[in-house]
Amino acid sequence: KNNDEIADLFQSVLINIWYGLRSFRNESEIK
C-alpha cells in the first residue's frame, strides 16, 4: 500500500524484465 514500496517494486520488475529479455524464448505470449 506504500507508494515508495510500489515504486521500488515496479523498478525491480523492470530490471528483471530487462535482464530476462535475452532468455525470453517466445514460448508464451510476452504478456
PDB file of all heavy atoms in Angstrom:
ATOM      1  N   LYS A   1       0.833  -1.198   0.000  1.00  0.00           N
ATOM      2  CA  LYS A   1       0.000   0.000   0.000  1.00  0.00           C
ATOM      3  C   LYS A   1       0.875   1.258   0.000  1.00  0.00           C
ATOM      4  O   LYS A   1       0.389   2.348  -0.202  1.00  0.00           O
ATOM      5  CB  LYS A   1      -0.896   0.021   1.239  1.00  0.00           C
ATOM      6  CG  LYS A   1      -1.913  -1.084   1.265  1.00  0.00           C
ATOM      7  CD  LYS A   1      -2.724  -1.014   2.540  1.00  0.00           C
ATOM      8  CE  LYS A   1      -3.631  -2.215   2.650  1.00  0.00           C
ATOM      9  NZ  LYS A   1      -4.359  -2.259   3.897  1.00  0.00           N
ATOM     10  N   ASN A   2       2.152   1.070   0.241  1.00  0.00           N
ATOM     11  CA  ASN A   2       3.081   2.179   0.367  1.00  0.00           C
ATOM     12  C   ASN A   2       3.588   2.591  -1.018  1.00  0.00           C
ATOM     13  O   ASN A   2       4.134   1.778  -1.750  1.00  0.00           O
ATOM     14  CB  ASN A   2       4.249   1.736   1.268  1.00  0.00           C
ATOM     15  CG  ASN A   2       5.277   2.811   1.454  1.00  0.00           C
ATOM     16  OD1 ASN A   2       5.926   3.213   0.500  1.00  0.00           O
ATOM     17  ND2 ASN A   2       5.432   3.253   2.685  1.00  0.00           N
ATOM     18  N   ASN A   3       3.405   3.868  -1.358  1.00  0.00           N
ATOM     19  CA  ASN A   3       3.788   4.356  -2.692  1.00  0.00           C
ATOM     20  C   ASN A   3       5.275   4.168  -2.988  1.00  0.00           C
ATOM     21  O   ASN A   3       5.653   3.854  -4.117  1.00  0.00           O
ATOM     22  CB  ASN A   3       3.394   5.820  -2.865  1.00  0.00           C
ATOM     23  CG  ASN A   3       1.901   5.984  -3.029  1.00  0.00           C
ATOM     24  OD1 ASN A   3       1.209   5.071  -3.453  1.00  0.00           O
ATOM     25  ND2 ASN A   3       1.395   7.156  -2.675  1.00  0.00           N
ATOM     26  N   ASP A   4       6.124   4.374  -1.982  1.00  0.00           N
ATOM     27  CA  ASP A   4       7.564   4.193  -2.193  1.00  0.00           C
ATOM     28  C   ASP A   4       7.894   2.730  -2.464  1.00  0.00           C
ATOM     29  O   ASP A   4       8.712   2.420  -3.334  1.00  0.00           O
ATOM     30  CB  ASP A   4       8.360   4.690  -0.981  1.00  0.00           C
ATOM     31  CG  ASP A   4       8.294   6.198  -0.822  1.00  0.00           C
ATOM     32  OD1 ASP A   4       8.097   6.904  -1.840  1.00  0.00           O
ATOM     33  OD2 ASP A   4       8.443   6.681   0.312  1.00  0.00           O
ATOM     34  N   GLU A   5       7.253   1.813  -1.726  1.00  0.00           N
ATOM     35  CA  GLU A   5       7.476   0.390  -1.959  1.00  0.00           C
ATOM     36  C   GLU A   5       6.961  -0.026  -3.333  1.00  0.00           C
ATOM     37  O   GLU A   5       7.605  -0.822  -4.030  1.00  0.00           O
ATOM     38  CB  GLU A   5       6.794  -0.449  -0.874  1.00  0.00           C
ATOM     39  CG  GLU A   5       7.460  -0.386   0.468  1.00  0.00           C
ATOM     40  CD  GLU A   5       6.749  -1.202   1.539  1.00  0.00           C
ATOM     41  OE1 GLU A   5       5.611  -1.656   1.320  1.00  0.00           O
ATOM     42  OE2 GLU A   5       7.357  -1.378   2.608  1.00  0.00           O
ATOM     43  N   ILE A   6       5.818   0.511  -3.723  1.00  0.00           N
ATOM     44  CA  ILE A   6       5.264   0.198  -5.040  1.00  0.00           C
ATOM     45  C   ILE A   6       6.237   0.654  -6.132  1.00  0.00           C
ATOM     46  O   ILE A   6       6.503  -0.089  -7.077  1.00  0.00           O
ATOM     47  CB  ILE A   6       3.877   0.844  -5.231  1.00  0.00           C
ATOM     48  CG1 ILE A   6       2.862   0.212  -4.274  1.00  0.00           C
ATOM     49  CG2 ILE A   6       3.409   0.729  -6.674  1.00  0.00           C
ATOM     50  CD1 ILE A   6       1.544   0.959  -4.178  1.00  0.00           C
ATOM     51  N   ALA A   7       6.779   1.847  -5.972  1.00  0.00           N
ATOM     52  CA  ALA A   7       7.740   2.355  -6.958  1.00  0.00           C
ATOM     53  C   ALA A   7       8.985   1.474  -7.006  1.00  0.00           C
ATOM     54  O   ALA A   7       9.507   1.179  -8.094  1.00  0.00           O
ATOM     55  CB  ALA A   7       8.107   3.804  -6.629  1.00  0.00           C
ATOM     56  N   ASP A   8       9.470   1.054  -5.838  1.00  0.00           N
ATOM     57  CA  ASP A   8      10.634   0.164  -5.782  1.00  0.00           C
ATOM     58  C   ASP A   8      10.338  -1.177  -6.443  1.00  0.00           C
ATOM     59  O   ASP A   8      11.159  -1.715  -7.188  1.00  0.00           O
ATOM     60  CB  ASP A   8      11.083  -0.069  -4.333  1.00  0.00           C
ATOM     61  CG  ASP A   8      11.727   1.153  -3.713  1.00  0.00           C
ATOM     62  OD1 ASP A   8      12.098   2.088  -4.452  1.00  0.00           O
ATOM     63  OD2 ASP A   8      11.857   1.168  -2.468  1.00  0.00           O
ATOM     64  N   LEU A   9       9.153  -1.732  -6.152  1.00  0.00           N
ATOM     65  CA  LEU A   9       8.759  -2.996  -6.768  1.00  0.00           C
ATOM     66  C   LEU A   9       8.660  -2.847  -8.284  1.00  0.00           C
ATOM     67  O   LEU A   9       9.133  -3.711  -9.029  1.00  0.00           O
ATOM     68  CB  LEU A   9       7.406  -3.460  -6.211  1.00  0.00           C
ATOM     69  CG  LEU A   9       7.437  -4.181  -4.883  1.00  0.00           C
ATOM     70  CD1 LEU A   9       6.024  -4.371  -4.355  1.00  0.00           C
ATOM     71  CD2 LEU A   9       8.125  -5.521  -5.011  1.00  0.00           C
ATOM     72  N   PHE A  10       8.043  -1.774  -8.732  1.00  0.00           N
ATOM     73  CA  PHE A  10       7.894  -1.521 -10.163  1.00  0.00           C
ATOM     74  C   PHE A  10       9.267  -1.493 -10.830  1.00  0.00           C
ATOM     75  O   PHE A  10       9.493  -2.124 -11.863  1.00  0.00           O
ATOM     76  CB  PHE A  10       7.148  -0.197 -10.381  1.00  0.00           C
ATOM     77  CG  PHE A  10       6.732   0.040 -11.800  1.00  0.00           C
ATOM     78  CD1 PHE A  10       5.512  -0.416 -12.258  1.00  0.00           C
ATOM     79  CD2 PHE A  10       7.554   0.737 -12.680  1.00  0.00           C
ATOM     80  CE1 PHE A  10       5.103  -0.192 -13.574  1.00  0.00           C
ATOM     81  CE2 PHE A  10       7.165   0.962 -13.994  1.00  0.00           C
ATOM     82  CZ  PHE A  10       5.935   0.497 -14.442  1.00  0.00           C
ATOM     83  N   GLN A  11      10.180  -0.785 -10.213  1.00  0.00           N
ATOM     84  CA  GLN A  11      11.531  -0.684 -10.756  1.00  0.00           C
ATOM     85  C   GLN A  11      12.223  -2.053 -10.763  1.00  0.00           C
ATOM     86  O   GLN A  11      12.884  -2.416 -11.740  1.00  0.00           O
ATOM     87  CB  GLN A  11      12.344   0.320  -9.952  1.00  0.00           C
ATOM     88  CG  GLN A  11      13.721   0.570 -10.520  1.00  0.00           C
ATOM     89  CD  GLN A  11      14.462   1.655  -9.784  1.00  0.00           C
ATOM     90  OE1 GLN A  11      14.087   2.054  -8.689  1.00  0.00           O
ATOM     91  NE2 GLN A  11      15.530   2.141 -10.371  1.00  0.00           N
ATOM     92  N   SER A  12      12.040  -2.832  -9.708  1.00  0.00           N
ATOM     93  CA  SER A  12      12.634  -4.171  -9.651  1.00  0.00           C
ATOM     94  C   SER A  12      12.082  -5.063 -10.754  1.00  0.00           C
ATOM     95  O   SER A  12      12.824  -5.836 -11.374  1.00  0.00           O
ATOM     96  CB  SER A  12      12.371  -4.822  -8.292  1.00  0.00           C
ATOM     97  OG  SER A  12      13.042  -4.139  -7.275  1.00  0.00           O
ATOM     98  N   VAL A  13      10.781  -4.953 -11.005  1.00  0.00           N
ATOM     99  CA  VAL A  13      10.162  -5.735 -12.082  1.00  0.00           C
ATOM    100  C   VAL A  13      10.779  -5.332 -13.417  1.00  0.00           C
ATOM    101  O   VAL A  13      11.136  -6.197 -14.235  1.00  0.00           O
ATOM    102  CB  VAL A  13       8.627  -5.555 -12.106  1.00  0.00           C
ATOM    103  CG1 VAL A  13       8.025  -6.167 -13.362  1.00  0.00           C
ATOM    104  CG2 VAL A  13       7.994  -6.150 -10.857  1.00  0.00           C
ATOM    105  N   LEU A  14      10.921  -4.033 -13.652  1.00  0.00           N
ATOM    106  CA  LEU A  14      11.507  -3.571 -14.912  1.00  0.00           C
ATOM    107  C   LEU A  14      12.936  -4.079 -15.077  1.00  0.00           C
ATOM    108  O   LEU A  14      13.328  -4.508 -16.176  1.00  0.00           O
ATOM    109  CB  LEU A  14      11.477  -2.045 -15.007  1.00  0.00           C
ATOM    110  CG  LEU A  14      10.099  -1.392 -15.075  1.00  0.00           C
ATOM    111  CD1 LEU A  14      10.238   0.121 -15.249  1.00  0.00           C
ATOM    112  CD2 LEU A  14       9.251  -1.977 -16.184  1.00  0.00           C
ATOM    113  N   ILE A  15      13.700  -4.060 -14.013  1.00  0.00           N
ATOM    114  CA  ILE A  15      15.073  -4.572 -14.066  1.00  0.00           C
ATOM    115  C   ILE A  15      15.065  -6.061 -14.407  1.00  0.00           C
ATOM    116  O   ILE A  15      15.841  -6.514 -15.257  1.00  0.00           O
ATOM    117  CB  ILE A  15      15.796  -4.313 -12.724  1.00  0.00           C
ATOM    118  CG1 ILE A  15      16.059  -2.811 -12.558  1.00  0.00           C
ATOM    119  CG2 ILE A  15      17.094  -5.123 -12.635  1.00  0.00           C
ATOM    120  CD1 ILE A  15      16.505  -2.400 -11.171  1.00  0.00           C
ATOM    121  N   ASN A  16      14.175  -6.813 -13.777  1.00  0.00           N
ATOM    122  CA  ASN A  16      14.100  -8.248 -14.052  1.00  0.00           C
ATOM    123  C   ASN A  16      13.640  -8.530 -15.486  1.00  0.00           C
ATOM    124  O   ASN A  16      14.105  -9.485 -16.108  1.00  0.00           O
ATOM    125  CB  ASN A  16      13.194  -8.942 -13.044  1.00  0.00           C
ATOM    126  CG  ASN A  16      13.826  -9.009 -11.668  1.00  0.00           C
ATOM    127  OD1 ASN A  16      15.043  -8.936 -11.537  1.00  0.00           O
ATOM    128  ND2 ASN A  16      13.008  -9.137 -10.641  1.00  0.00           N
ATOM    129  N   ILE A  17      12.745  -7.698 -15.998  1.00  0.00           N
ATOM    130  CA  ILE A  17      12.325  -7.851 -17.394  1.00  0.00           C
ATOM    131  C   ILE A  17      13.513  -7.572 -18.315  1.00  0.00           C
ATOM    132  O   ILE A  17      13.778  -8.327 -19.258  1.00  0.00           O
ATOM    133  CB  ILE A  17      11.128  -6.923 -17.732  1.00  0.00           C
ATOM    134  CG1 ILE A  17       9.867  -7.412 -17.011  1.00  0.00           C
ATOM    135  CG2 ILE A  17      10.902  -6.845 -19.235  1.00  0.00           C
ATOM    136  CD1 ILE A  17       8.700  -6.443 -17.081  1.00  0.00           C
ATOM    137  N   TRP A  18      14.232  -6.484 -18.046  1.00  0.00           N
ATOM    138  CA  TRP A  18      15.387  -6.118 -18.876  1.00  0.00           C
ATOM    139  C   TRP A  18      16.402  -7.265 -18.926  1.00  0.00           C
ATOM    140  O   TRP A  18      16.851  -7.666 -20.000  1.00  0.00           O
ATOM    141  CB  TRP A  18      16.029  -4.846 -18.340  1.00  0.00           C
ATOM    142  CG  TRP A  18      17.290  -4.494 -19.060  1.00  0.00           C
ATOM    143  CD1 TRP A  18      18.568  -4.674 -18.630  1.00  0.00           C
ATOM    144  CD2 TRP A  18      17.402  -3.907 -20.359  1.00  0.00           C
ATOM    145  NE1 TRP A  18      19.463  -4.239 -19.563  1.00  0.00           N
ATOM    146  CE2 TRP A  18      18.778  -3.766 -20.647  1.00  0.00           C
ATOM    147  CE3 TRP A  18      16.476  -3.488 -21.308  1.00  0.00           C
ATOM    148  CZ2 TRP A  18      19.243  -3.218 -21.841  1.00  0.00           C
ATOM    149  CZ3 TRP A  18      16.944  -2.951 -22.491  1.00  0.00           C
ATOM    150  CH2 TRP A  18      18.307  -2.819 -22.746  1.00  0.00           C
ATOM    151  N   TYR A  19      16.771  -7.781 -17.761  1.00  0.00           N
ATOM    152  CA  TYR A  19      17.761  -8.855 -17.732  1.00  0.00           C
ATOM    153  C   TYR A  19      17.218 -10.169 -18.288  1.00  0.00           C
ATOM    154  O   TYR A  19      17.970 -10.995 -18.786  1.00  0.00           O
ATOM    155  CB  TYR A  19      18.305  -9.064 -16.317  1.00  0.00           C
ATOM    156  CG  TYR A  19      19.271  -7.979 -15.913  1.00  0.00           C
ATOM    157  CD1 TYR A  19      19.014  -7.172 -14.817  1.00  0.00           C
ATOM    158  CD2 TYR A  19      20.430  -7.739 -16.643  1.00  0.00           C
ATOM    159  CE1 TYR A  19      19.893  -6.165 -14.452  1.00  0.00           C
ATOM    160  CE2 TYR A  19      21.313  -6.726 -16.296  1.00  0.00           C
ATOM    161  CZ  TYR A  19      21.038  -5.946 -15.192  1.00  0.00           C
ATOM    162  OH  TYR A  19      21.908  -4.949 -14.850  1.00  0.00           O
ATOM    163  N   GLY A  20      15.904 -10.344 -18.214  1.00  0.00           N
ATOM    164  CA  GLY A  20      15.306 -11.571 -18.709  1.00  0.00           C
ATOM    165  C   GLY A  20      15.057 -11.582 -20.199  1.00  0.00           C
ATOM    166  O   GLY A  20      14.795 -12.636 -20.784  1.00  0.00           O
ATOM    167  N   LEU A  21      15.140 -10.424 -20.836  1.00  0.00           N
ATOM    168  CA  LEU A  21      14.857 -10.352 -22.272  1.00  0.00           C
ATOM    169  C   LEU A  21      15.720 -11.302 -23.092  1.00  0.00           C
ATOM    170  O   LEU A  21      15.245 -11.915 -24.040  1.00  0.00           O
ATOM    171  CB  LEU A  21      15.046  -8.923 -22.793  1.00  0.00           C
ATOM    172  CG  LEU A  21      13.879  -7.987 -22.603  1.00  0.00           C
ATOM    173  CD1 LEU A  21      14.222  -6.595 -23.118  1.00  0.00           C
ATOM    174  CD2 LEU A  21      12.626  -8.507 -23.280  1.00  0.00           C
ATOM    175  N   ARG A  22      16.974 -11.444 -22.716  1.00  0.00           N
ATOM    176  CA  ARG A  22      17.859 -12.301 -23.520  1.00  0.00           C
ATOM    177  C   ARG A  22      17.480 -13.774 -23.412  1.00  0.00           C
ATOM    178  O   ARG A  22      17.798 -14.568 -24.276  1.00  0.00           O
ATOM    179  CB  ARG A  22      19.324 -12.076 -23.145  1.00  0.00           C
ATOM    180  CG  ARG A  22      19.690 -12.502 -21.743  1.00  0.00           C
ATOM    181  CD  ARG A  22      21.190 -12.280 -21.483  1.00  0.00           C
ATOM    182  NE  ARG A  22      21.463 -12.350 -20.078  1.00  0.00           N
ATOM    183  CZ  ARG A  22      21.595 -11.313 -19.265  1.00  0.00           C
ATOM    184  NH1 ARG A  22      21.493 -10.102 -19.750  1.00  0.00           N
ATOM    185  NH2 ARG A  22      21.821 -11.471 -17.987  1.00  0.00           N
ATOM    186  N   SER A  23      16.751 -14.137 -22.341  1.00  0.00           N
ATOM    187  CA  SER A  23      16.358 -15.537 -22.194  1.00  0.00           C
ATOM    188  C   SER A  23      14.903 -15.795 -22.610  1.00  0.00           C
ATOM    189  O   SER A  23      14.455 -16.935 -22.562  1.00  0.00           O
ATOM    190  CB  SER A  23      16.562 -15.993 -20.745  1.00  0.00           C
ATOM    191  OG  SER A  23      15.730 -15.258 -19.879  1.00  0.00           O
ATOM    192  N   PHE A  24      14.177 -14.750 -23.014  1.00  0.00           N
ATOM    193  CA  PHE A  24      12.794 -14.937 -23.462  1.00  0.00           C
ATOM    194  C   PHE A  24      12.807 -15.704 -24.774  1.00  0.00           C
ATOM    195  O   PHE A  24      13.448 -15.323 -25.742  1.00  0.00           O
ATOM    196  CB  PHE A  24      12.088 -13.585 -23.635  1.00  0.00           C
ATOM    197  CG  PHE A  24      10.668 -13.720 -24.100  1.00  0.00           C
ATOM    198  CD1 PHE A  24       9.717 -14.320 -23.291  1.00  0.00           C
ATOM    199  CD2 PHE A  24      10.275 -13.262 -25.352  1.00  0.00           C
ATOM    200  CE1 PHE A  24       8.400 -14.447 -23.710  1.00  0.00           C
ATOM    201  CE2 PHE A  24       8.970 -13.382 -25.780  1.00  0.00           C
ATOM    202  CZ  PHE A  24       8.030 -13.982 -24.952  1.00  0.00           C
ATOM    203  N   ARG A  25      12.071 -16.834 -24.806  1.00  0.00           N
ATOM    204  CA  ARG A  25      12.136 -17.752 -25.947  1.00  0.00           C
ATOM    205  C   ARG A  25      10.860 -17.747 -26.791  1.00  0.00           C
ATOM    206  O   ARG A  25      10.677 -18.623 -27.622  1.00  0.00           O
ATOM    207  CB  ARG A  25      12.427 -19.163 -25.443  1.00  0.00           C
ATOM    208  CG  ARG A  25      13.765 -19.280 -24.746  1.00  0.00           C
ATOM    209  CD  ARG A  25      14.026 -20.701 -24.280  1.00  0.00           C
ATOM    210  NE  ARG A  25      12.984 -21.221 -23.421  1.00  0.00           N
ATOM    211  CZ  ARG A  25      13.010 -21.246 -22.085  1.00  0.00           C
ATOM    212  NH1 ARG A  25      14.049 -20.757 -21.452  1.00  0.00           N
ATOM    213  NH2 ARG A  25      12.020 -21.751 -21.398  1.00  0.00           N
ATOM    214  N   ASN A  26       9.956 -16.826 -26.573  1.00  0.00           N
ATOM    215  CA  ASN A  26       8.697 -16.753 -27.325  1.00  0.00           C
ATOM    216  C   ASN A  26       7.864 -18.026 -27.219  1.00  0.00           C
ATOM    217  O   ASN A  26       7.110 -18.343 -28.127  1.00  0.00           O
ATOM    218  CB  ASN A  26       8.952 -16.422 -28.803  1.00  0.00           C
ATOM    219  CG  ASN A  26       9.318 -14.981 -29.008  1.00  0.00           C
ATOM    220  OD1 ASN A  26       8.752 -14.094 -28.381  1.00  0.00           O
ATOM    221  ND2 ASN A  26      10.280 -14.733 -29.873  1.00  0.00           N
ATOM    222  N   GLU A  27       8.025 -18.766 -26.126  1.00  0.00           N
ATOM    223  CA  GLU A  27       7.218 -19.972 -25.929  1.00  0.00           C
ATOM    224  C   GLU A  27       5.834 -19.624 -25.385  1.00  0.00           C
ATOM    225  O   GLU A  27       4.932 -20.445 -25.406  1.00  0.00           O
ATOM    226  CB  GLU A  27       7.934 -20.939 -24.986  1.00  0.00           C
ATOM    227  CG  GLU A  27       9.190 -21.521 -25.592  1.00  0.00           C
ATOM    228  CD  GLU A  27       9.979 -22.365 -24.617  1.00  0.00           C
ATOM    229  OE1 GLU A  27       9.563 -22.494 -23.439  1.00  0.00           O
ATOM    230  OE2 GLU A  27      11.026 -22.893 -25.026  1.00  0.00           O
ATOM    231  N   SER A  28       5.706 -18.417 -24.867  1.00  0.00           N
ATOM    232  CA  SER A  28       4.411 -17.921 -24.399  1.00  0.00           C
ATOM    233  C   SER A  28       4.286 -16.482 -24.883  1.00  0.00           C
ATOM    234  O   SER A  28       5.226 -15.907 -25.412  1.00  0.00           O
ATOM    235  CB  SER A  28       4.342 -17.986 -22.863  1.00  0.00           C
ATOM    236  OG  SER A  28       5.314 -17.124 -22.290  1.00  0.00           O
ATOM    237  N   GLU A  29       3.109 -15.920 -24.660  1.00  0.00           N
ATOM    238  CA  GLU A  29       2.922 -14.517 -25.017  1.00  0.00           C
ATOM    239  C   GLU A  29       3.788 -13.656 -24.112  1.00  0.00           C
ATOM    240  O   GLU A  29       4.022 -13.993 -22.956  1.00  0.00           O
ATOM    241  CB  GLU A  29       1.459 -14.113 -24.838  1.00  0.00           C
ATOM    242  CG  GLU A  29       0.515 -14.698 -25.858  1.00  0.00           C
ATOM    243  CD  GLU A  29      -0.889 -14.152 -25.672  1.00  0.00           C
ATOM    244  OE1 GLU A  29      -1.033 -12.939 -25.417  1.00  0.00           O
ATOM    245  OE2 GLU A  29      -1.825 -14.955 -25.779  1.00  0.00           O
ATOM    246  N   ILE A  30       4.225 -12.526 -24.617  1.00  0.00           N
ATOM    247  CA  ILE A  30       5.066 -11.617 -23.837  1.00  0.00           C
ATOM    248  C   ILE A  30       4.325 -11.153 -22.588  1.00  0.00           C
ATOM    249  O   ILE A  30       4.905 -11.007 -21.524  1.00  0.00           O
ATOM    250  CB  ILE A  30       5.561 -10.421 -24.699  1.00  0.00           C
ATOM    251  CG1 ILE A  30       6.661  -9.643 -23.980  1.00  0.00           C
ATOM    252  CG2 ILE A  30       4.431  -9.494 -25.061  1.00  0.00           C
ATOM    253  CD1 ILE A  30       7.992 -10.299 -24.006  1.00  0.00           C
ATOM    254  N   LYS A  31       3.004 -10.958 -22.708  1.00  0.00           N
ATOM    255  CA  LYS A  31       2.190 -10.508 -21.575  1.00  0.00           C
ATOM    256  C   LYS A  31       2.208 -11.554 -20.449  1.00  0.00           C
ATOM    257  O   LYS A  31       2.340 -11.211 -19.277  1.00  0.00           O
ATOM    258  CB  LYS A  31       0.756 -10.253 -22.053  1.00  0.00           C
ATOM    259  CG  LYS A  31      -0.128  -9.595 -21.058  1.00  0.00           C
ATOM    260  CD  LYS A  31      -1.473  -9.288 -21.713  1.00  0.00           C
ATOM    261  CE  LYS A  31      -2.331  -8.460 -20.810  1.00  0.00           C
ATOM    262  NZ  LYS A  31      -3.591  -8.086 -21.445  1.00  0.00           N
TER     263      LYS A  31
END
